C-alpha atoms as a PDB file:
ATOM      1  CA  MET A   1      18.132  -4.508  -7.075  1.00  0.00           C
ATOM      2  CA  SER A   2      15.866  -7.216  -8.437  1.00  0.00           C
ATOM      3  CA  ARG A   3      12.096  -7.219  -8.047  1.00  0.00           C
ATOM      4  CA  GLN A   4      12.306 -10.082  -5.579  1.00  0.00           C
ATOM      5  CA  GLN A   5      14.812  -8.216  -3.424  1.00  0.00           C
ATOM      6  CA  PHE A   6      12.723  -5.050  -3.551  1.00  0.00           C
ATOM      7  CA  GLY A   7       9.583  -6.997  -2.624  1.00  0.00           C
ATOM      8  CA  PHE A   8      11.367  -8.594   0.315  1.00  0.00           C
ATOM      9  CA  LEU A   9      12.658  -5.226   1.512  1.00  0.00           C
ATOM     10  CA  ALA A  10       9.241  -3.579   1.196  1.00  0.00           C
ATOM     11  CA  GLY A  11       7.566  -6.422   3.080  1.00  0.00           C
ATOM     12  CA  PHE A  12      10.210  -6.447   5.771  1.00  0.00           C
ATOM     13  CA  LEU A  13       9.943  -2.699   6.309  1.00  0.00           C
ATOM     14  CA  ALA A  14       6.138  -2.856   6.446  1.00  0.00           C
ATOM     15  CA  VAL A  15       6.253  -5.565   9.138  1.00  0.00           C
ATOM     16  CA  ALA A  16       8.953  -3.713  11.071  1.00  0.00           C
ATOM     17  CA  LEU A  17       6.874  -0.524  10.996  1.00  0.00           C
ATOM     18  CA  TRP A  18       3.823  -2.524  12.064  1.00  0.00           C
ATOM     19  CA  ALA A  19       5.730  -3.946  15.026  1.00  0.00           C
ATOM     20  CA  LEU A  20       7.116  -0.574  16.075  1.00  0.00           C
ATOM     21  CA  ALA A  21       4.247   1.837  15.376  1.00  0.00           C
ATOM     22  CA  GLY A  22       1.079  -0.229  14.995  1.00  0.00           C
ATOM     23  CA  VAL A  23      -1.341  -1.254  12.294  1.00  0.00           C
ATOM     24  CA  GLY A  24      -2.786   2.220  11.618  1.00  0.00           C
ATOM     25  CA  VAL A  25       0.558   3.866  10.946  1.00  0.00           C
ATOM     26  CA  THR A  26       1.611   0.982   8.728  1.00  0.00           C
ATOM     27  CA  ALA A  27      -1.599   1.190   6.676  1.00  0.00           C
ATOM     28  CA  ILE A  28      -1.120   4.933   6.183  1.00  0.00           C
ATOM     29  CA  ALA A  29       2.515   4.420   5.136  1.00  0.00           C
ATOM     30  CA  VAL A  30       1.575   1.706   2.624  1.00  0.00           C
ATOM     31  CA  LEU A  31      -1.233   3.839   1.158  1.00  0.00           C
ATOM     32  CA  ALA A  32       1.105   6.833   0.888  1.00  0.00           C
ATOM     33  CA  GLY A  33       3.651   4.666  -0.922  1.00  0.00           C
ATOM     34  CA  LEU A  34       1.031   3.372  -3.367  1.00  0.00           C
ATOM     35  CA  LEU A  35      -0.218   6.890  -4.007  1.00  0.00           C
ATOM     36  CA  GLY A  36       3.336   8.086  -4.666  1.00  0.00           C
ATOM     37  CA  TRP A  37       3.911   5.194  -7.065  1.00  0.00           C
ATOM     38  CA  LEU A  38       0.695   6.036  -8.911  1.00  0.00           C
ATOM     39  CA  VAL A  39       1.574   9.734  -9.203  1.00  0.00           C
ATOM     40  CA  VAL A  40       5.015   8.942 -10.604  1.00  0.00           C
ATOM     41  CA  ARG A  41       3.532   6.465 -13.120  1.00  0.00           C
ATOM     42  CA  VAL A  42       1.013   9.079 -14.289  1.00  0.00           C
ATOM     43  CA  LEU A  43       3.654  11.812 -14.573  1.00  0.00           C
ATOM     44  CA  ASP A  44       5.943   9.499 -16.550  1.00  0.00           C
ATOM     45  CA  GLY A  45       3.063   8.568 -18.855  1.00  0.00           C
ATOM     46  CA  ASP A  46       3.388   4.871 -17.990  1.00  0.00           C
ATOM     47  CA  PHE A  47      -0.089   4.473 -16.504  1.00  0.00           C
ATOM     48  CA  SER A  48      -3.126   3.418 -18.478  1.00  0.00           C
ATOM     49  CA  VAL A  49      -6.365   1.915 -17.260  1.00  0.00           C
ATOM     50  CA  THR A  50      -6.415  -0.550 -20.148  1.00  0.00           C
ATOM     51  CA  GLY A  51      -2.900  -1.657 -19.192  1.00  0.00           C
ATOM     52  CA  LEU A  52      -4.161  -2.808 -15.820  1.00  0.00           C
ATOM     53  CA  GLY A  53      -6.641  -5.176 -17.438  1.00  0.00           C
ATOM     54  CA  ASP A  54      -3.924  -6.665 -19.627  1.00  0.00           C
ATOM     55  CA  ARG A  55      -1.968  -7.780 -16.550  1.00  0.00           C
ATOM     56  CA  ARG A  56      -4.754 -10.014 -15.299  1.00  0.00           C
ATOM     57  CA  THR A  57      -4.319 -13.604 -16.321  1.00  0.00           C
ATOM     58  CA  GLU A  58      -7.034 -16.160 -16.688  1.00  0.00           C
ATOM     59  CA  PRO A  59      -7.122 -18.760 -13.897  1.00  0.00           C
ATOM     60  CA  ARG A  60      -5.801 -22.161 -14.822  1.00  0.00           C
ATOM     61  CA  ARG A  61      -8.290 -24.975 -14.885  1.00  0.00           C
ATOM     62  CA  ARG A  62      -7.513 -28.440 -13.647  1.00  0.00           C
ATOM     63  CA  ARG A  63      -8.774 -31.412 -15.584  1.00  0.00           C
END
């Protein structure tokens, strides 16, 4: 599954949950998913605070 497909699926499921259960339940589910992702990254040793800063790109300036 590509990143685009996974992103679409995650977004679709979040909206479906929102429609069925409400905003509060959806927010809790999204936060639980992010927390699970973070725990797995830490346990795998793939998480570093400096790595987060490296992902930020400088905004492009128009001339």
